[in-house]
Amino acid sequence: MADLYADNGVLLPTLSPVVRTNREEIKEYFAKDFLPKKPTGTITESQVRIIDEDAAAQSGNYTFTVTDKSGTQTKVPARFTYVYEKIGDQWLITEHHSSATPTKS
């Protein structure tokens, strides 16, 4: 999964307070903090904005379900922003911010 990110990609993940600032840190987050929770997810709303021929941004909402060690599943509604850049011949994620959707007051 970390291969989708640029070498200097930045990740502000939903399930961790630690900002990851390169592919190795992002790889560690997915391997240790996220993928062990067996996540599944669905994008429920998405907007894409083309910045120029080598950059685009995507924002929206998704809901993912994570499973704890006891097998209990929890739905996590969240919102996201990705920035993609064309680096060489690949489109890679350079910025990814994901945060839990605020609850209604």
N, C-alpha and C. Protein backbone atom coordinates (compact mmCIF):
# COMPACT_ATOMS: atom_id res chain seq x y z
N MET A 1 0.81 -1.19 0.00
CA MET A 1 0.00 0.00 0.00
C MET A 1 0.86 1.26 0.00
N ALA A 2 1.98 1.23 0.71
CA ALA A 2 2.87 2.39 0.78
C ALA A 2 3.46 2.73 -0.59
N ASP A 3 3.47 1.76 -1.50
CA ASP A 3 4.00 2.02 -2.84
C ASP A 3 3.14 3.02 -3.62
N LEU A 4 1.94 3.31 -3.15
CA LEU A 4 1.09 4.30 -3.79
C LEU A 4 1.51 5.73 -3.44
N TYR A 5 2.40 5.87 -2.46
CA TYR A 5 2.83 7.17 -1.96
C TYR A 5 4.20 7.54 -2.53
N ALA A 6 4.41 8.85 -2.71
CA ALA A 6 5.72 9.35 -3.13
C ALA A 6 6.73 9.11 -2.00
N ASP A 7 8.00 9.08 -2.34
CA ASP A 7 9.04 8.88 -1.33
C ASP A 7 8.91 9.88 -0.19
N ASN A 8 8.54 11.12 -0.50
CA ASN A 8 8.40 12.16 0.52
C ASN A 8 6.93 12.45 0.82
N GLY A 9 6.07 11.46 0.60
CA GLY A 9 4.64 11.63 0.87
C GLY A 9 4.37 11.90 2.34
N VAL A 10 3.25 12.58 2.60
CA VAL A 10 2.84 12.90 3.97
C VAL A 10 1.49 12.25 4.22
N LEU A 11 1.37 11.60 5.39
CA LEU A 11 0.12 10.96 5.80
C LEU A 11 -0.26 11.45 7.19
N LEU A 12 -1.45 12.01 7.32
CA LEU A 12 -2.05 12.33 8.61
C LEU A 12 -3.20 11.34 8.78
N PRO A 13 -2.94 10.19 9.43
CA PRO A 13 -3.93 9.11 9.46
C PRO A 13 -5.07 9.34 10.45
N THR A 14 -6.16 8.67 10.21
CA THR A 14 -7.33 8.74 11.07
C THR A 14 -7.08 8.10 12.43
N LEU A 15 -6.40 6.97 12.44
CA LEU A 15 -6.30 6.17 13.66
C LEU A 15 -4.99 6.35 14.41
N SER A 16 -4.28 7.44 14.17
CA SER A 16 -3.02 7.68 14.87
C SER A 16 -2.77 9.18 14.92
N PRO A 17 -2.21 9.68 16.04
CA PRO A 17 -1.89 11.10 16.12
C PRO A 17 -0.54 11.47 15.49
N VAL A 18 0.20 10.48 15.03
CA VAL A 18 1.55 10.70 14.51
C VAL A 18 1.50 11.00 13.02
N VAL A 19 2.10 12.11 12.61
CA VAL A 19 2.20 12.47 11.20
C VAL A 19 3.34 11.68 10.58
N ARG A 20 3.09 11.02 9.46
CA ARG A 20 4.14 10.27 8.75
C ARG A 20 4.60 11.13 7.58
N THR A 21 5.93 11.26 7.40
CA THR A 21 6.46 12.22 6.43
C THR A 21 7.35 11.60 5.35
N ASN A 22 7.29 10.29 5.21
CA ASN A 22 8.00 9.64 4.11
C ASN A 22 7.42 8.25 3.91
N ARG A 23 7.78 7.62 2.81
CA ARG A 23 7.20 6.32 2.46
C ARG A 23 7.50 5.26 3.51
N GLU A 24 8.68 5.26 4.08
CA GLU A 24 9.01 4.24 5.09
C GLU A 24 8.12 4.37 6.32
N GLU A 25 7.90 5.60 6.79
CA GLU A 25 7.01 5.81 7.94
C GLU A 25 5.58 5.42 7.59
N ILE A 26 5.16 5.73 6.38
CA ILE A 26 3.81 5.37 5.93
C ILE A 26 3.67 3.84 5.87
N LYS A 27 4.68 3.19 5.35
CA LYS A 27 4.68 1.72 5.28
C LYS A 27 4.56 1.13 6.68
N GLU A 28 5.30 1.69 7.63
CA GLU A 28 5.25 1.20 9.02
C GLU A 28 3.86 1.41 9.61
N TYR A 29 3.24 2.55 9.35
CA TYR A 29 1.89 2.80 9.86
C TYR A 29 0.92 1.74 9.34
N PHE A 30 0.92 1.52 8.03
CA PHE A 30 -0.01 0.54 7.48
C PHE A 30 0.27 -0.85 8.03
N ALA A 31 1.54 -1.23 8.11
CA ALA A 31 1.90 -2.58 8.56
C ALA A 31 1.58 -2.81 10.04
N LYS A 32 1.83 -1.83 10.88
CA LYS A 32 1.70 -2.02 12.33
C LYS A 32 0.38 -1.51 12.91
N ASP A 33 -0.15 -0.43 12.35
CA ASP A 33 -1.30 0.21 12.98
C ASP A 33 -2.62 0.01 12.26
N PHE A 34 -2.60 -0.12 10.94
CA PHE A 34 -3.86 -0.12 10.20
C PHE A 34 -4.24 -1.49 9.66
N LEU A 35 -3.39 -2.10 8.87
CA LEU A 35 -3.75 -3.38 8.23
C LEU A 35 -4.01 -4.51 9.22
N PRO A 36 -3.36 -4.56 10.40
CA PRO A 36 -3.72 -5.61 11.36
C PRO A 36 -5.18 -5.54 11.82
N LYS A 37 -5.82 -4.40 11.62
CA LYS A 37 -7.23 -4.24 11.99
C LYS A 37 -8.17 -4.73 10.90
N LYS A 38 -7.63 -5.33 9.85
CA LYS A 38 -8.41 -5.90 8.75
C LYS A 38 -9.45 -4.92 8.21
N PRO A 39 -9.00 -3.75 7.77
CA PRO A 39 -9.95 -2.73 7.35
C PRO A 39 -10.64 -3.06 6.02
N THR A 40 -11.88 -2.66 5.94
CA THR A 40 -12.61 -2.62 4.68
C THR A 40 -13.21 -1.23 4.60
N GLY A 41 -13.47 -0.75 3.40
CA GLY A 41 -13.99 0.60 3.32
C GLY A 41 -14.77 0.88 2.06
N THR A 42 -15.55 1.95 2.14
CA THR A 42 -16.35 2.40 1.02
C THR A 42 -16.28 3.92 0.95
N ILE A 43 -15.97 4.44 -0.23
CA ILE A 43 -16.04 5.88 -0.44
C ILE A 43 -17.50 6.23 -0.66
N THR A 44 -18.03 7.16 0.14
CA THR A 44 -19.44 7.53 0.05
C THR A 44 -19.66 8.85 -0.67
N GLU A 45 -18.61 9.66 -0.78
CA GLU A 45 -18.69 10.94 -1.50
C GLU A 45 -17.28 11.30 -1.93
N SER A 46 -17.14 11.80 -3.15
CA SER A 46 -15.81 12.13 -3.65
C SER A 46 -15.88 13.23 -4.69
N GLN A 47 -14.97 14.17 -4.58
CA GLN A 47 -14.80 15.21 -5.59
C GLN A 47 -13.33 15.21 -6.00
N VAL A 48 -13.09 15.32 -7.29
CA VAL A 48 -11.72 15.37 -7.82
C VAL A 48 -11.54 16.71 -8.51
N ARG A 49 -10.42 17.35 -8.21
CA ARG A 49 -10.10 18.63 -8.85
C ARG A 49 -8.76 18.48 -9.57
N ILE A 50 -8.74 18.75 -10.84
CA ILE A 50 -7.50 18.71 -11.61
C ILE A 50 -6.80 20.05 -11.39
N ILE A 51 -5.58 19.99 -10.87
CA ILE A 51 -4.81 21.21 -10.60
C ILE A 51 -4.05 21.63 -11.86
N ASP A 52 -3.34 20.68 -12.44
CA ASP A 52 -2.69 20.89 -13.74
C ASP A 52 -2.40 19.51 -14.32
N GLU A 53 -1.62 19.44 -15.37
CA GLU A 53 -1.42 18.14 -16.03
C GLU A 53 -0.64 17.15 -15.18
N ASP A 54 -0.01 17.62 -14.11
CA ASP A 54 0.77 16.73 -13.25
C ASP A 54 0.30 16.70 -11.80
N ALA A 55 -0.88 17.23 -11.51
CA ALA A 55 -1.35 17.26 -10.13
C ALA A 55 -2.88 17.26 -10.08
N ALA A 56 -3.40 16.58 -9.06
CA ALA A 56 -4.85 16.54 -8.83
C ALA A 56 -5.10 16.37 -7.34
N ALA A 57 -6.28 16.78 -6.91
CA ALA A 57 -6.68 16.62 -5.51
C ALA A 57 -8.02 15.91 -5.47
N GLN A 58 -8.22 15.12 -4.42
CA GLN A 58 -9.48 14.40 -4.22
C GLN A 58 -9.87 14.57 -2.76
N SER A 59 -11.12 14.95 -2.53
CA SER A 59 -11.64 15.09 -1.18
C SER A 59 -12.99 14.41 -1.10
N GLY A 60 -13.33 13.97 0.10
CA GLY A 60 -14.63 13.35 0.26
C GLY A 60 -14.79 12.67 1.60
N ASN A 61 -15.72 11.74 1.61
CA ASN A 61 -16.03 10.97 2.82
C ASN A 61 -15.93 9.49 2.51
N TYR A 62 -15.49 8.75 3.51
CA TYR A 62 -15.52 7.30 3.41
C TYR A 62 -15.84 6.72 4.76
N THR A 63 -16.27 5.49 4.76
CA THR A 63 -16.50 4.76 6.00
C THR A 63 -15.71 3.48 5.90
N PHE A 64 -14.88 3.26 6.92
CA PHE A 64 -14.20 1.98 6.93
C PHE A 64 -14.53 1.25 8.21
N THR A 65 -14.45 -0.06 8.14
CA THR A 65 -14.73 -0.93 9.27
C THR A 65 -13.43 -1.60 9.67
N VAL A 66 -13.13 -1.53 10.98
CA VAL A 66 -11.94 -2.17 11.51
C VAL A 66 -12.36 -3.24 12.51
N THR A 67 -11.52 -4.25 12.66
CA THR A 67 -11.80 -5.37 13.54
C THR A 67 -10.71 -5.45 14.60
N ASP A 68 -11.12 -5.48 15.88
CA ASP A 68 -10.11 -5.59 16.94
C ASP A 68 -9.73 -7.05 17.16
N LYS A 69 -8.81 -7.28 18.09
CA LYS A 69 -8.29 -8.63 18.32
C LYS A 69 -9.36 -9.61 18.78
N SER A 70 -10.42 -9.10 19.41
CA SER A 70 -11.49 -10.00 19.87
C SER A 70 -12.51 -10.29 18.77
N GLY A 71 -12.35 -9.62 17.62
CA GLY A 71 -13.27 -9.83 16.51
C GLY A 71 -14.38 -8.80 16.42
N THR A 72 -14.40 -7.86 17.36
CA THR A 72 -15.41 -6.81 17.34
C THR A 72 -15.13 -5.82 16.21
N GLN A 73 -16.15 -5.55 15.42
CA GLN A 73 -16.00 -4.62 14.31
C GLN A 73 -16.54 -3.24 14.69
N THR A 74 -15.83 -2.22 14.24
CA THR A 74 -16.22 -0.84 14.49
C THR A 74 -16.22 -0.08 13.17
N LYS A 75 -17.31 0.64 12.90
CA LYS A 75 -17.37 1.50 11.72
C LYS A 75 -16.76 2.85 12.07
N VAL A 76 -15.92 3.35 11.17
CA VAL A 76 -15.26 4.64 11.37
C VAL A 76 -15.60 5.54 10.19
N PRO A 77 -16.57 6.44 10.35
CA PRO A 77 -16.83 7.40 9.29
C PRO A 77 -15.73 8.47 9.32
N ALA A 78 -15.19 8.78 8.16
CA ALA A 78 -14.08 9.73 8.10
C ALA A 78 -14.17 10.56 6.84
N ARG A 79 -13.43 11.65 6.84
CA ARG A 79 -13.31 12.48 5.64
C ARG A 79 -11.85 12.48 5.23
N PHE A 80 -11.60 12.75 3.96
CA PHE A 80 -10.23 12.61 3.46
C PHE A 80 -9.91 13.67 2.42
N THR A 81 -8.63 13.91 2.27
CA THR A 81 -8.09 14.68 1.16
C THR A 81 -6.81 14.00 0.70
N TYR A 82 -6.72 13.78 -0.59
CA TYR A 82 -5.50 13.27 -1.22
C TYR A 82 -5.00 14.32 -2.21
N VAL A 83 -3.70 14.44 -2.32
CA VAL A 83 -3.08 15.18 -3.42
C VAL A 83 -2.24 14.17 -4.18
N TYR A 84 -2.46 14.10 -5.48
CA TYR A 84 -1.71 13.19 -6.35
C TYR A 84 -0.81 14.02 -7.26
N GLU A 85 0.40 13.53 -7.47
CA GLU A 85 1.31 14.18 -8.42
C GLU A 85 1.87 13.13 -9.36
N LYS A 86 2.04 13.53 -10.60
CA LYS A 86 2.67 12.64 -11.57
C LYS A 86 4.18 12.80 -11.41
N ILE A 87 4.81 11.72 -10.99
CA ILE A 87 6.26 11.71 -10.77
C ILE A 87 6.82 10.67 -11.73
N GLY A 88 7.59 11.13 -12.69
CA GLY A 88 8.01 10.23 -13.77
C GLY A 88 6.78 9.83 -14.55
N ASP A 89 6.54 8.52 -14.65
CA ASP A 89 5.35 8.05 -15.36
C ASP A 89 4.29 7.49 -14.41
N GLN A 90 4.42 7.78 -13.10
CA GLN A 90 3.48 7.26 -12.11
C GLN A 90 2.73 8.39 -11.41
N TRP A 91 1.46 8.15 -11.15
CA TRP A 91 0.70 9.04 -10.28
C TRP A 91 0.85 8.53 -8.86
N LEU A 92 1.38 9.37 -7.96
CA LEU A 92 1.62 8.98 -6.58
C LEU A 92 0.95 9.95 -5.62
N ILE A 93 0.64 9.45 -4.43
CA ILE A 93 0.05 10.29 -3.39
C ILE A 93 1.17 11.07 -2.72
N THR A 94 1.03 12.40 -2.70
CA THR A 94 2.03 13.23 -2.02
C THR A 94 1.50 13.75 -0.69
N GLU A 95 0.19 13.86 -0.56
CA GLU A 95 -0.45 14.30 0.69
C GLU A 95 -1.71 13.47 0.90
N HIS A 96 -1.91 13.02 2.14
CA HIS A 96 -3.11 12.26 2.49
C HIS A 96 -3.49 12.65 3.91
N HIS A 97 -4.65 13.28 4.04
CA HIS A 97 -5.17 13.64 5.36
C HIS A 97 -6.49 12.93 5.53
N SER A 98 -6.63 12.20 6.64
CA SER A 98 -7.86 11.49 6.95
C SER A 98 -8.21 11.76 8.40
N SER A 99 -9.44 12.17 8.66
CA SER A 99 -9.84 12.43 10.04
C SER A 99 -11.27 11.95 10.25
N ALA A 100 -11.55 11.56 11.48
CA ALA A 100 -12.89 11.09 11.81
C ALA A 100 -13.89 12.20 11.54
N THR A 101 -15.04 11.83 11.01
CA THR A 101 -16.10 12.79 10.74
C THR A 101 -16.64 13.30 12.07
N PRO A 102 -16.74 14.62 12.23
CA PRO A 102 -17.29 15.15 13.49
C PRO A 102 -18.72 14.68 13.70
N THR A 103 -19.07 14.47 14.94
CA THR A 103 -20.45 14.11 15.26
C THR A 103 -21.29 15.39 15.31
N LYS A 104 -22.56 15.24 15.07
CA LYS A 104 -23.45 16.41 15.09
C LYS A 104 -23.59 16.91 16.52
N SER A 105 -23.69 18.21 16.67
CA SER A 105 -23.87 18.83 18.00
C SER A 105 -25.32 18.85 18.38
